C-alpha atoms as a PDB file:
ATOM      1  CA  UNK A   1      75.775  91.882  82.342  1.00  0.00           C
ATOM      2  CA  UNK A   2      73.210  94.167  83.976  1.00  0.00           C
ATOM      3  CA  UNK A   3      74.126  96.878  86.462  1.00  0.00           C
ATOM      4  CA  UNK A   4      72.286  95.125  89.304  1.00  0.00           C
ATOM      5  CA  UNK A   5      73.928  91.786  88.594  1.00  0.00           C
ATOM      6  CA  UNK A   6      77.340  93.440  88.427  1.00  0.00           C
ATOM      7  CA  UNK A   7      76.821  95.242  91.716  1.00  0.00           C
ATOM      8  CA  UNK A   8      75.561  92.059  93.401  1.00  0.00           C
ATOM      9  CA  UNK A   9      78.577  90.186  92.092  1.00  0.00           C
ATOM     10  CA  UNK A  10      81.047  92.748  93.411  1.00  0.00           C
ATOM     11  CA  UNK A  11      79.356  93.048  96.805  1.00  0.00           C
ATOM     12  CA  UNK A  12      79.590  89.265  97.020  1.00  0.00           C
ATOM     13  CA  UNK A  13      83.310  89.525  96.289  1.00  0.00           C
ATOM     14  CA  UNK A  14      83.653  92.182  98.999  1.00  0.00           C
ATOM     15  CA  UNK A  15      81.961  89.863 101.506  1.00  0.00           C
ATOM     16  CA  UNK A  16      84.488  87.172 100.658  1.00  0.00           C
ATOM     17  CA  UNK A  17      87.448  89.568 100.819  1.00  0.00           C
ATOM     18  CA  UNK A  18      89.673  88.704 103.777  1.00  0.00           C
ATOM     19  CA  UNK A  19      89.055  90.494 107.044  1.00  0.00           C
ATOM     20  CA  UNK A  20      91.933  92.347 108.669  1.00  0.00           C
ATOM     21  CA  UNK A  21      94.722  89.974 109.726  1.00  0.00           C
ATOM     22  CA  UNK A  22      94.298  89.054 113.391  1.00  0.00           C
ATOM     23  CA  UNK A  23      97.536  90.586 114.680  1.00  0.00           C
ATOM     24  CA  UNK A  24      96.919  93.866 112.867  1.00  0.00           C
ATOM     25  CA  UNK A  25      93.302  94.009 114.067  1.00  0.00           C
ATOM     26  CA  UNK A  26      94.365  93.230 117.642  1.00  0.00           C
ATOM     27  CA  UNK A  27      97.192  95.787 117.564  1.00  0.00           C
ATOM     28  CA  UNK A  28      94.862  98.545 116.364  1.00  0.00           C
ATOM     29  CA  UNK A  29      92.308  97.677 119.043  1.00  0.00           C
ATOM     30  CA  UNK A  30      94.967  97.794 121.756  1.00  0.00           C
ATOM     31  CA  UNK A  31      96.230 101.172 120.549  1.00  0.00           C
ATOM     32  CA  UNK A  32      92.691 102.614 120.531  1.00  0.00           C
ATOM     33  CA  UNK A  33      91.844 101.204 123.972  1.00  0.00           C
ATOM     34  CA  UNK A  34      92.726 103.824 126.646  1.00  0.00           C
ATOM     35  CA  UNK A  35      93.062 100.975 129.187  1.00  0.00           C
ATOM     36  CA  UNK A  36      95.917  99.377 127.234  1.00  0.00           C
ATOM     37  CA  UNK A  37      99.438  99.605 128.580  1.00  0.00           C
ATOM     38  CA  UNK A  38     102.591  99.831 126.452  1.00  0.00           C
ATOM     39  CA  UNK A  39     103.168  96.175 127.346  1.00  0.00           C
ATOM     40  CA  UNK A  40      99.726  95.214 126.005  1.00  0.00           C
ATOM     41  CA  UNK A  41     100.450  96.976 122.715  1.00  0.00           C
ATOM     42  CA  UNK A  42     103.929  95.492 122.440  1.00  0.00           C
ATOM     43  CA  UNK A  43     102.609  91.965 123.007  1.00  0.00           C
ATOM     44  CA  UNK A  44     100.015  92.430 120.264  1.00  0.00           C
ATOM     45  CA  UNK A  45     102.558  93.742 117.748  1.00  0.00           C
ATOM     46  CA  UNK A  46     105.022  90.975 118.588  1.00  0.00           C
ATOM     47  CA  UNK A  47     102.671  88.405 117.061  1.00  0.00           C
ATOM     48  CA  UNK A  48     103.751  89.460 113.544  1.00  0.00           C
ATOM     49  CA  UNK A  49     107.464  89.282 112.687  1.00  0.00           C
ATOM     50  CA  UNK A  50     107.056  91.553 109.663  1.00  0.00           C
ATOM     51  CA  UNK A  51     105.326  94.195 111.758  1.00  0.00           C
ATOM     52  CA  UNK A  52     108.047  94.010 114.414  1.00  0.00           C
ATOM     53  CA  UNK A  53     110.708  94.452 111.724  1.00  0.00           C
ATOM     54  CA  UNK A  54     108.947  97.530 110.323  1.00  0.00           C
ATOM     55  CA  UNK A  55     108.524  99.098 113.770  1.00  0.00           C
ATOM     56  CA  UNK A  56     112.216  98.667 114.561  1.00  0.00           C
ATOM     57  CA  UNK A  57     113.248  99.834 111.098  1.00  0.00           C
ATOM     58  CA  UNK A  58     111.288 103.076 111.438  1.00  0.00           C
ATOM     59  CA  UNK A  59     112.536 103.727 114.974  1.00  0.00           C
ATOM     60  CA  UNK A  60     116.109 103.339 113.725  1.00  0.00           C
ATOM     61  CA  UNK A  61     115.626 105.378 110.554  1.00  0.00           C
ATOM     62  CA  UNK A  62     117.452 108.625 109.842  1.00  0.00           C
ATOM     63  CA  UNK A  63     114.126 110.445 110.214  1.00  0.00           C
ATOM     64  CA  UNK A  64     114.263 110.000 113.987  1.00  0.00           C
ATOM     65  CA  UNK A  65     118.050 110.210 114.285  1.00  0.00           C
ATOM     66  CA  UNK A  66     118.178 108.408 117.621  1.00  0.00           C
ATOM     67  CA  UNK A  67     121.808 108.339 118.860  1.00  0.00           C
ATOM     68  CA  UNK A  68     121.872 104.574 119.539  1.00  0.00           C
ATOM     69  CA  UNK A  69     120.330 101.524 117.937  1.00  0.00           C
ATOM     70  CA  UNK A  70     116.844 100.574 119.154  1.00  0.00           C
ATOM     71  CA  UNK A  71     116.491  96.811 119.580  1.00  0.00           C
ATOM     72  CA  UNK A  72     113.426  96.634 121.843  1.00  0.00           C
ATOM     73  CA  UNK A  73     109.890  96.828 120.447  1.00  0.00           C
ATOM     74  CA  UNK A  74     108.754  98.443 123.703  1.00  0.00           C
ATOM     75  CA  UNK A  75     111.327 101.208 123.360  1.00  0.00           C
ATOM     76  CA  UNK A  76     110.434 101.661 119.694  1.00  0.00           C
ATOM     77  CA  UNK A  77     106.744 102.057 120.577  1.00  0.00           C
ATOM     78  CA  UNK A  78     107.594 104.759 123.122  1.00  0.00           C
ATOM     79  CA  UNK A  79     109.841 106.623 120.649  1.00  0.00           C
ATOM     80  CA  UNK A  80     107.401 106.501 117.754  1.00  0.00           C
ATOM     81  CA  UNK A  81     104.234 107.330 119.676  1.00  0.00           C
ATOM     82  CA  UNK A  82     100.837 105.696 119.193  1.00  0.00           C
ATOM     83  CA  UNK A  83      99.668 107.768 116.208  1.00  0.00           C
ATOM     84  CA  UNK A  84     102.812 107.024 114.184  1.00  0.00           C
ATOM     85  CA  UNK A  85     102.628 103.395 115.276  1.00  0.00           C
ATOM     86  CA  UNK A  86      99.046 103.133 114.031  1.00  0.00           C
ATOM     87  CA  UNK A  87      99.938 104.572 110.621  1.00  0.00           C
ATOM     88  CA  UNK A  88     102.830 102.115 110.370  1.00  0.00           C
ATOM     89  CA  UNK A  89     100.484  99.201 111.096  1.00  0.00           C
ATOM     90  CA  UNK A  90      98.116 100.353 108.345  1.00  0.00           C
ATOM     91  CA  UNK A  91     101.108 100.697 106.019  1.00  0.00           C
ATOM     92  CA  UNK A  92     102.139  97.097 106.713  1.00  0.00           C
ATOM     93  CA  UNK A  93      98.599  95.992 105.869  1.00  0.00           C
ATOM     94  CA  UNK A  94      98.379  98.172 102.763  1.00  0.00           C
ATOM     95  CA  UNK A  95     101.624  96.946 101.224  1.00  0.00           C
ATOM     96  CA  UNK A  96     100.220  93.421 100.809  1.00  0.00           C
ATOM     97  CA  UNK A  97      96.937  94.701  99.363  1.00  0.00           C
ATOM     98  CA  UNK A  98      98.211  97.533  97.160  1.00  0.00           C
ATOM     99  CA  UNK A  99     101.453  96.020  95.932  1.00  0.00           C
ATOM    100  CA  UNK A 100      99.739  93.911  93.269  1.00  0.00           C
ATOM    101  CA  UNK A 101      99.512  94.531  89.539  1.00  0.00           C
ATOM    102  CA  UNK A 102      96.144  96.127  88.711  1.00  0.00           C
ATOM    103  CA  UNK A 103      95.523  95.335  85.055  1.00  0.00           C
ATOM    104  CA  UNK A 104      92.156  97.061  84.841  1.00  0.00           C
ATOM    105  CA  UNK A 105      93.882 100.394  85.502  1.00  0.00           C
ATOM    106  CA  UNK A 106      97.132  99.591  83.635  1.00  0.00           C
ATOM    107  CA  UNK A 107      99.124  99.755  86.866  1.00  0.00           C
ATOM    108  CA  UNK A 108     102.193  97.535  86.989  1.00  0.00           C
ATOM    109  CA  UNK A 109     103.108  95.618  90.130  1.00  0.00           C
ATOM    110  CA  UNK A 110     104.010  98.080  92.886  1.00  0.00           C
ATOM    111  CA  UNK A 111     102.794 101.155  91.005  1.00  0.00           C
ATOM    112  CA  UNK A 112      99.559 101.554  93.006  1.00  0.00           C
ATOM    113  CA  UNK A 113     101.591 101.061  96.191  1.00  0.00           C
ATOM    114  CA  UNK A 114     103.999 103.857  95.212  1.00  0.00           C
ATOM    115  CA  UNK A 115     101.076 106.140  94.387  1.00  0.00           C
ATOM    116  CA  UNK A 116      99.379 105.336  97.687  1.00  0.00           C
ATOM    117  CA  UNK A 117     102.513 106.089  99.723  1.00  0.00           C
ATOM    118  CA  UNK A 118     102.968 109.368  97.832  1.00  0.00           C
ATOM    119  CA  UNK A 119      99.338 110.342  98.421  1.00  0.00           C
ATOM    120  CA  UNK A 120      99.587 109.455 102.111  1.00  0.00           C
ATOM    121  CA  UNK A 121     102.697 111.571 102.638  1.00  0.00           C
ATOM    122  CA  UNK A 122     101.222 114.511 100.724  1.00  0.00           C
ATOM    123  CA  UNK A 123      98.024 114.264 102.817  1.00  0.00           C
ATOM    124  CA  UNK A 124     100.125 114.248 105.963  1.00  0.00           C
ATOM    125  CA  UNK A 125     101.895 117.432 104.837  1.00  0.00           C
ATOM    126  CA  UNK A 126      98.601 119.125 103.906  1.00  0.00           C
ATOM    127  CA  UNK A 127      97.325 118.290 107.403  1.00  0.00           C
ATOM    128  CA  UNK A 128     100.542 119.573 108.982  1.00  0.00           C
ATOM    129  CA  UNK A 129     100.464 122.784 106.939  1.00  0.00           C
ATOM    130  CA  UNK A 130      96.792 123.389 107.792  1.00  0.00           C
ATOM    131  CA  UNK A 131      97.155 122.305 111.440  1.00  0.00           C
ATOM    132  CA  UNK A 132      94.417 119.700 111.217  1.00  0.00           C
ATOM    133  CA  UNK A 133      95.376 117.735 114.324  1.00  0.00           C
ATOM    134  CA  UNK A 134      96.311 114.065 114.006  1.00  0.00           C
ATOM    135  CA  UNK A 135      98.408 114.243 110.839  1.00  0.00           C
ATOM    136  CA  UNK A 136      99.016 110.474 110.881  1.00  0.00           C
ATOM    137  CA  UNK A 137      95.280 109.854 110.446  1.00  0.00           C
ATOM    138  CA  UNK A 138      95.410 111.846 107.212  1.00  0.00           C
ATOM    139  CA  UNK A 139      98.443 109.838 106.101  1.00  0.00           C
ATOM    140  CA  UNK A 140      96.403 106.645 106.520  1.00  0.00           C
ATOM    141  CA  UNK A 141      93.453 108.168 104.643  1.00  0.00           C
ATOM    142  CA  UNK A 142      95.705 108.958 101.703  1.00  0.00           C
ATOM    143  CA  UNK A 143      97.401 105.584 101.902  1.00  0.00           C
ATOM    144  CA  UNK A 144      94.133 103.615 101.629  1.00  0.00           C
ATOM    145  CA  UNK A 145      92.117 105.873  99.303  1.00  0.00           C
ATOM    146  CA  UNK A 146      92.403 103.632  96.217  1.00  0.00           C
ATOM    147  CA  UNK A 147      91.771 100.193  97.750  1.00  0.00           C
ATOM    148  CA  UNK A 148      88.630  99.960  95.589  1.00  0.00           C
ATOM    149  CA  UNK A 149      90.848  99.687  92.519  1.00  0.00           C
ATOM    150  CA  UNK A 150      92.085  96.313  93.764  1.00  0.00           C
ATOM    151  CA  UNK A 151      88.532  94.974  93.731  1.00  0.00           C
ATOM    152  CA  UNK A 152      87.453  96.456  90.408  1.00  0.00           C
ATOM    153  CA  UNK A 153      90.766  95.939  88.660  1.00  0.00           C
ATOM    154  CA  UNK A 154      90.760  92.241  89.478  1.00  0.00           C
ATOM    155  CA  UNK A 155      87.142  91.330  88.791  1.00  0.00           C
ATOM    156  CA  UNK A 156      85.938  93.730  86.130  1.00  0.00           C
ATOM    157  CA  UNK A 157      88.743  93.967  83.575  1.00  0.00           C
ATOM    158  CA  UNK A 158      86.353  93.258  80.716  1.00  0.00           C
ATOM    159  CA  UNK A 159      84.400  96.500  81.296  1.00  0.00           C
ATOM    160  CA  UNK A 160      87.446  98.770  81.190  1.00  0.00           C
ATOM    161  CA  UNK A 161      87.796  98.733  77.415  1.00  0.00           C
ATOM    162  CA  UNK A 162      84.367 100.330  77.186  1.00  0.00           C
ATOM    163  CA  UNK A 163      85.190 102.816  79.969  1.00  0.00           C
ATOM    164  CA  UNK A 164      88.449 103.907  78.343  1.00  0.00           C
ATOM    165  CA  UNK A 165      86.719 104.273  74.968  1.00  0.00           C
ATOM    166  CA  UNK A 166      83.988 106.458  76.439  1.00  0.00           C
ATOM    167  CA  UNK A 167      86.477 108.560  78.420  1.00  0.00           C
ATOM    168  CA  UNK A 168      88.501 109.197  75.255  1.00  0.00           C
ATOM    169  CA  UNK A 169      85.327 110.331  73.476  1.00  0.00           C
ATOM    170  CA  UNK A 170      84.229 112.720  76.228  1.00  0.00           C
ATOM    171  CA  UNK A 171      85.647 115.284  78.620  1.00  0.00           C
ATOM    172  CA  UNK A 172      84.188 113.568  81.687  1.00  0.00           C
ATOM    173  CA  UNK A 173      86.429 112.443  84.581  1.00  0.00           C
ATOM    174  CA  UNK A 174      87.235 108.719  84.656  1.00  0.00           C
ATOM    175  CA  UNK A 175      85.187 108.008  87.783  1.00  0.00           C
ATOM    176  CA  UNK A 176      82.065 109.562  86.213  1.00  0.00           C
ATOM    177  CA  UNK A 177      82.288 107.238  83.198  1.00  0.00           C
ATOM    178  CA  UNK A 178      83.123 104.372  85.562  1.00  0.00           C
ATOM    179  CA  UNK A 179      79.830 104.991  87.376  1.00  0.00           C
ATOM    180  CA  UNK A 180      77.871 105.296  84.120  1.00  0.00           C
ATOM    181  CA  UNK A 181      79.188 101.966  82.806  1.00  0.00           C
ATOM    182  CA  UNK A 182      79.266  99.932  86.024  1.00  0.00           C
ATOM    183  CA  UNK A 183      76.712 101.678  88.215  1.00  0.00           C
ATOM    184  CA  UNK A 184      79.440 102.552  90.773  1.00  0.00           C
ATOM    185  CA  UNK A 185      83.087 103.589  90.840  1.00  0.00           C
ATOM    186  CA  UNK A 186      86.258 102.462  92.608  1.00  0.00           C
ATOM    187  CA  UNK A 187      85.696 104.979  95.411  1.00  0.00           C
ATOM    188  CA  UNK A 188      82.326 103.423  96.300  1.00  0.00           C
ATOM    189  CA  UNK A 189      83.856  99.950  96.189  1.00  0.00           C
ATOM    190  CA  UNK A 190      86.698 101.135  98.419  1.00  0.00           C
ATOM    191  CA  UNK A 191      84.171 102.477 100.905  1.00  0.00           C
ATOM    192  CA  UNK A 192      82.440  99.079 101.022  1.00  0.00           C
ATOM    193  CA  UNK A 193      85.753  97.331 101.624  1.00  0.00           C
ATOM    194  CA  UNK A 194      86.634  99.827 104.376  1.00  0.00           C
ATOM    195  CA  UNK A 195      83.318  98.996 106.076  1.00  0.00           C
ATOM    196  CA  UNK A 196      84.108  95.291 105.696  1.00  0.00           C
ATOM    197  CA  UNK A 197      87.326  95.961 107.616  1.00  0.00           C
ATOM    198  CA  UNK A 198      85.425  97.982 110.270  1.00  0.00           C
ATOM    199  CA  UNK A 199      87.625 101.027 109.669  1.00  0.00           C
ATOM    200  CA  UNK A 200      86.723 104.345 111.362  1.00  0.00           C
ATOM    201  CA  UNK A 201      84.183 106.599 109.643  1.00  0.00           C
ATOM    202  CA  UNK A 202      86.958 109.158 109.098  1.00  0.00           C
ATOM    203  CA  UNK A 203      88.680 106.666 106.767  1.00  0.00           C
ATOM    204  CA  UNK A 204      85.520 105.256 105.175  1.00  0.00           C
ATOM    205  CA  UNK A 205      84.429 108.770 104.148  1.00  0.00           C
ATOM    206  CA  UNK A 206      87.913 109.683 102.893  1.00  0.00           C
ATOM    207  CA  UNK A 207      87.950 106.608 100.659  1.00  0.00           C
ATOM    208  CA  UNK A 208      84.320 106.826  99.524  1.00  0.00           C
ATOM    209  CA  UNK A 209      84.330 110.532  98.669  1.00  0.00           C
ATOM    210  CA  UNK A 210      87.894 111.309  97.621  1.00  0.00           C
ATOM    211  CA  UNK A 211      86.653 112.227  94.123  1.00  0.00           C
ATOM    212  CA  UNK A 212      83.563 114.056  95.424  1.00  0.00           C
ATOM    213  CA  UNK A 213      84.583 115.708  98.726  1.00  0.00           C
ATOM    214  CA  UNK A 214      81.629 118.099  98.557  1.00  0.00           C
ATOM    215  CA  UNK A 215      79.357 115.143  99.436  1.00  0.00           C
ATOM    216  CA  UNK A 216      80.966 114.688 102.855  1.00  0.00           C
ATOM    217  CA  UNK A 217      80.757 116.797 105.980  1.00  0.00           C
ATOM    218  CA  UNK A 218      84.190 115.551 107.052  1.00  0.00           C
ATOM    219  CA  UNK A 219      87.470 117.151 106.030  1.00  0.00           C
ATOM    220  CA  UNK A 220      89.327 113.932 105.219  1.00  0.00           C
ATOM    221  CA  UNK A 221      87.885 113.507 101.673  1.00  0.00           C
ATOM    222  CA  UNK A 222      89.017 117.043 100.756  1.00  0.00           C
ATOM    223  CA  UNK A 223      92.547 116.387 101.990  1.00  0.00           C
ATOM    224  CA  UNK A 224      92.714 113.125 100.055  1.00  0.00           C
ATOM    225  CA  UNK A 225      91.230 114.698  96.927  1.00  0.00           C
ATOM    226  CA  UNK A 226      94.071 117.229  96.838  1.00  0.00           C
ATOM    227  CA  UNK A 227      96.720 114.721  97.922  1.00  0.00           C
ATOM    228  CA  UNK A 228      95.646 112.278  95.229  1.00  0.00           C
ATOM    229  CA  UNK A 229      95.655 114.969  92.556  1.00  0.00           C
ATOM    230  CA  UNK A 230      99.109 116.234  93.500  1.00  0.00           C
ATOM    231  CA  UNK A 231     100.557 112.706  93.583  1.00  0.00           C
ATOM    232  CA  UNK A 232      99.237 112.147  90.059  1.00  0.00           C
ATOM    233  CA  UNK A 233     100.569 115.518  88.883  1.00  0.00           C
ATOM    234  CA  UNK A 234     103.972 114.425  90.162  1.00  0.00           C
ATOM    235  CA  UNK A 235     103.738 111.216  88.134  1.00  0.00           C
ATOM    236  CA  UNK A 236     103.155 108.688  90.913  1.00  0.00           C
ATOM    237  CA  UNK A 237     100.903 105.833  89.759  1.00  0.00           C
ATOM    238  CA  UNK A 238      99.264 107.551  86.802  1.00  0.00           C
ATOM    239  CA  UNK A 239      98.076 104.360  85.091  1.00  0.00           C
ATOM    240  CA  UNK A 240      95.293 104.584  82.544  1.00  0.00           C
ATOM    241  CA  UNK A 241      93.077 106.927  84.554  1.00  0.00           C
ATOM    242  CA  UNK A 242      95.365 109.132  86.608  1.00  0.00           C
ATOM    243  CA  UNK A 243      95.175 112.279  84.498  1.00  0.00           C
ATOM    244  CA  UNK A 244      91.401 112.003  84.062  1.00  0.00           C
ATOM    245  CA  UNK A 245      90.271 113.296  87.472  1.00  0.00           C
ATOM    246  CA  UNK A 246      89.534 116.780  88.736  1.00  0.00           C
ATOM    247  CA  UNK A 247      90.996 118.358  91.867  1.00  0.00           C
ATOM    248  CA  UNK A 248      88.390 120.241  93.878  1.00  0.00           C
ATOM    249  CA  UNK A 249      88.986 123.987  93.524  1.00  0.00           C
ATOM    250  CA  UNK A 250      87.218 124.499  96.849  1.00  0.00           C
ATOM    251  CA  UNK A 251      89.575 122.048  98.573  1.00  0.00           C
ATOM    252  CA  UNK A 252      92.658 123.677  97.010  1.00  0.00           C
ATOM    253  CA  UNK A 253      91.485 127.078  98.283  1.00  0.00           C
ATOM    254  CA  UNK A 254      90.716 125.678 101.736  1.00  0.00           C
ATOM    255  CA  UNK A 255      94.322 124.516 102.095  1.00  0.00           C
ATOM    256  CA  UNK A 256      95.879 127.643 100.598  1.00  0.00           C
ATOM    257  CA  UNK A 257      96.921 125.935  97.362  1.00  0.00           C
ATOM    258  CA  UNK A 258      94.610 127.580  94.823  1.00  0.00           C
ATOM    259  CA  UNK A 259      97.299 129.915  93.481  1.00  0.00           C
ATOM    260  CA  UNK A 260      99.791 128.371  91.075  1.00  0.00           C
ATOM    261  CA  UNK A 261     102.843 129.709  92.931  1.00  0.00           C
ATOM    262  CA  UNK A 262     101.612 128.284  96.259  1.00  0.00           C
ATOM    263  CA  UNK A 263     100.926 124.896  94.684  1.00  0.00           C
ATOM    264  CA  UNK A 264     104.342 124.775  93.003  1.00  0.00           C
ATOM    265  CA  UNK A 265     106.064 125.699  96.268  1.00  0.00           C
ATOM    266  CA  UNK A 266     104.154 122.983  98.127  1.00  0.00           C
ATOM    267  CA  UNK A 267     104.985 120.364  95.470  1.00  0.00           C
ATOM    268  CA  UNK A 268     108.673 121.260  95.723  1.00  0.00           C
ATOM    269  CA  UNK A 269     108.478 120.858  99.496  1.00  0.00           C
ATOM    270  CA  UNK A 270     106.713 117.476  99.472  1.00  0.00           C
ATOM    271  CA  UNK A 271     109.069 116.193  96.783  1.00  0.00           C
ATOM    272  CA  UNK A 272     111.879 116.259  99.360  1.00  0.00           C
ATOM    273  CA  UNK A 273     109.695 114.408 101.882  1.00  0.00           C
ATOM    274  CA  UNK A 274     108.848 111.776  99.272  1.00  0.00           C
ATOM    275  CA  UNK A 275     112.510 111.164  98.460  1.00  0.00           C
ATOM    276  CA  UNK A 276     113.275 110.454 102.120  1.00  0.00           C
ATOM    277  CA  UNK A 277     110.166 108.294 102.561  1.00  0.00           C
ATOM    278  CA  UNK A 278     110.856 106.209  99.480  1.00  0.00           C
ATOM    279  CA  UNK A 279     114.284 105.377 100.879  1.00  0.00           C
ATOM    280  CA  UNK A 280     112.587 104.005 103.988  1.00  0.00           C
ATOM    281  CA  UNK A 281     109.981 102.021 102.030  1.00  0.00           C
ATOM    282  CA  UNK A 282     112.653 100.867  99.535  1.00  0.00           C
ATOM    283  CA  UNK A 283     110.628 102.043  96.526  1.00  0.00           C
END
């Protein structure tokens, strides 16, 4: 199969990939619309029972420690705040997409989901540590960074034997060999899918360039590059390719993690956050 034919085939698959579910799309639009009231947002969320359950579950979690049980979606929205609410909506979406087995990357069912949650939480903590502003936006960037693996893992399994063989015979990162064999890598495919979903440029760039953050003028790819690398170092969702990527030295230095002691201290810190988060997500 030629490179052009392969790329055409995958782009065709992307075009046929489902758009964002209506309730999730509507909820995100309402949150981003400054004219929306809390009632408008609550009505949008209430159209999806699973989303309502997740909102109430988070509001009542030990993380918030509210003294009484929250039973109203409206009250939960007020307690959580719009940024946290948005990241929870993306998480609800991502669980359906990322929870699948991804044979092309030797990831069992749920393994990519666990890696994505770990990466998202680590990105959030990098953003908090570096005071980057909306830390929930960085959580979402980390959460969605590997959505391209769903596309490639499902439709291009036959090429991965060649990729793995060539990786084992060279010292090149997995995504470099991926591009040489296919003409593109999972990050590029993820960027195309993010555009299909009309996600913000902040997220599209984070997904597209998380293995090459130097190609982006935005900070989100650098955060995700480090978050992804740390999640893999900690053993979350390694699969067949996880130990075959490079963490950007420039990004590590930018976030104060270039020294081994600083990195070890940060990993120890995020490990506690991951334990608490995994209890919430029942992983």
